[in-house]
Protein backbone atom coordinates (compact mmCIF):
# COMPACT_ATOMS: atom_id res chain seq x y z
CA UNK A 1 15.41 -2.34 31.71
CA UNK A 2 14.42 -2.98 28.03
CA UNK A 3 16.60 -6.20 26.17
CA UNK A 4 16.22 -7.15 22.34
CA UNK A 5 16.98 -10.02 21.63
CA UNK A 6 16.92 -11.69 18.21
CA UNK A 7 17.08 -15.46 16.93
CA UNK A 8 16.69 -17.49 13.98
CA UNK A 9 19.64 -16.66 11.49
CA UNK A 10 21.61 -19.29 10.39
CA UNK A 11 23.38 -20.78 6.98
CA UNK A 12 20.90 -21.45 3.89
CA UNK A 13 21.39 -21.97 0.25
CA UNK A 14 19.57 -19.93 -2.08
CA UNK A 15 16.06 -20.20 -2.67
CA UNK A 16 15.34 -21.45 0.99
CA UNK A 17 13.45 -20.08 4.22
CA UNK A 18 14.41 -19.00 7.29
CA UNK A 19 12.42 -17.81 10.20
CA UNK A 20 14.07 -14.73 12.52
CA UNK A 21 12.04 -14.21 15.45
CA UNK A 22 12.73 -11.31 17.36
CA UNK A 23 12.04 -10.32 22.08
CA UNK A 24 11.47 -7.69 24.09
CA UNK A 25 11.37 -7.67 27.51
CA UNK A 26 11.41 -5.03 29.99
CA UNK A 27 9.19 -3.18 28.26
CA UNK A 28 7.32 -0.67 29.91
CA UNK A 29 5.93 2.45 27.57
CA UNK A 30 3.98 2.19 24.78
CA UNK A 31 5.62 0.81 21.39
CA UNK A 32 5.52 2.28 18.45
CA UNK A 33 6.50 0.58 15.76
CA UNK A 34 9.01 -2.61 15.83
CA UNK A 35 11.37 -3.73 13.02
CA UNK A 36 14.02 -5.33 10.95
CA UNK A 37 17.67 -3.56 9.73
CA UNK A 38 19.94 -5.81 8.15
CA UNK A 39 24.25 -4.37 7.90
CA UNK A 40 25.47 -6.38 4.94
CA UNK A 41 30.12 -6.30 4.97
CA UNK A 42 31.28 -2.85 4.23
CA UNK A 43 27.32 -1.43 3.83
CA UNK A 44 25.34 0.58 5.71
CA UNK A 45 22.65 -0.93 7.63
CA UNK A 46 19.40 -0.54 5.84
CA UNK A 47 15.53 -1.02 6.64
CA UNK A 48 14.04 -4.28 6.05
CA UNK A 49 10.61 -4.06 7.31
CA UNK A 50 9.11 -2.05 10.02
CA UNK A 51 5.31 -3.19 11.72
CA UNK A 52 2.91 -0.67 13.52
CA UNK A 53 2.69 -2.33 17.27
CA UNK A 54 -0.63 -1.36 19.04
CA UNK A 55 -2.68 0.31 15.99
CA UNK A 56 -3.19 -0.88 12.23
CA UNK A 57 -0.30 -3.26 12.25
CA UNK A 58 0.49 -1.89 8.68
CA UNK A 59 4.03 -2.95 7.36
CA UNK A 60 6.31 -1.31 5.61
CA UNK A 61 9.03 -3.10 3.27
CA UNK A 62 12.19 -2.72 1.27
CA UNK A 63 12.13 -2.82 -2.28
CA UNK A 64 14.59 -5.69 -2.17
CA UNK A 65 12.56 -7.97 -0.17
CA UNK A 66 9.11 -7.27 -1.51
CA UNK A 67 6.82 -10.47 -2.01
CA UNK A 68 9.83 -12.77 -0.41
CA UNK A 69 9.88 -11.29 3.27
CA UNK A 70 7.07 -11.46 5.80
CA UNK A 71 6.25 -9.07 8.74
CA UNK A 72 4.91 -9.69 11.90
CA UNK A 73 4.29 -9.67 15.38
CA UNK A 74 2.46 -10.13 18.68
CA UNK A 75 1.30 -7.26 20.06
CA UNK A 76 0.73 -9.70 23.51
CA UNK A 77 3.90 -10.50 23.94
CA UNK A 78 6.36 -7.18 22.40
CA UNK A 79 7.25 -10.00 19.28
CA UNK A 80 8.42 -9.84 15.97
CA UNK A 81 9.01 -12.29 13.41
CA UNK A 82 10.65 -12.70 9.91
CA UNK A 83 9.88 -14.87 7.20
CA UNK A 84 12.31 -14.85 5.27
CA UNK A 85 11.76 -16.78 1.53
CA UNK A 86 13.61 -16.92 -2.16
CA UNK A 87 17.02 -15.88 -0.33
CA UNK A 88 19.46 -14.56 -2.45
CA UNK A 89 23.00 -14.20 -1.57
CA UNK A 90 23.02 -10.71 -1.19
CA UNK A 91 20.66 -10.85 1.79
CA UNK A 92 23.50 -12.19 3.75
CA UNK A 93 23.78 -9.12 6.44
CA UNK A 94 23.45 -9.53 9.98
CA UNK A 95 19.65 -9.12 11.09
CA UNK A 96 18.85 -5.96 13.73
CA UNK A 97 15.87 -6.30 16.07
CA UNK A 98 14.55 -2.81 16.41
CA UNK A 99 11.76 -1.40 19.38
CA UNK A 100 10.35 2.04 18.59
CA UNK A 101 8.66 4.25 21.37
CA UNK A 102 6.34 6.18 20.54
CA UNK A 103 5.82 9.01 23.18
CA UNK A 104 9.33 10.11 21.50
CA UNK A 105 10.60 7.78 18.78
CA UNK A 106 13.94 6.19 21.15
CA UNK A 107 15.16 3.97 19.17
CA UNK A 108 15.96 -0.06 20.94
CA UNK A 109 18.08 -2.09 19.53
CA UNK A 110 18.84 -6.20 19.75
CA UNK A 111 22.55 -7.27 19.00
CA UNK A 112 21.66 -9.43 15.82
CA UNK A 113 21.88 -12.26 14.11
CA UNK A 114 23.90 -13.44 11.41
CA UNK A 115 21.95 -14.81 8.03
CA UNK A 116 24.31 -16.46 5.64
CA UNK A 117 23.04 -17.39 1.99
CA UNK A 118 25.43 -19.60 0.02
CA UNK A 119 25.52 -23.25 -1.07
């Protein structure tokens, strides 16, 4: 059974940094991509960043985080990280890790980790 677990959320002041980690276990298939999504109160879940796994490691970022967030992955451990710099109050959200299976595009989600940016 696939499990996706996020860690690293918390409270940070505007302008600060946080690093989120995500570990996937029980994976017995080829992963296409892993990534981060977020959902702020009263809003839809939105893409933050994704990275291709087991291929060219290409990345994709939401415009709102380009130049501030960096996604990276460890193919050997089925892990993905999100380094978040220059955080803003509008980055406050629950951040979810996503894993997408190559064969059929099935998605697997973690339970999320809360990031609060506030002074």
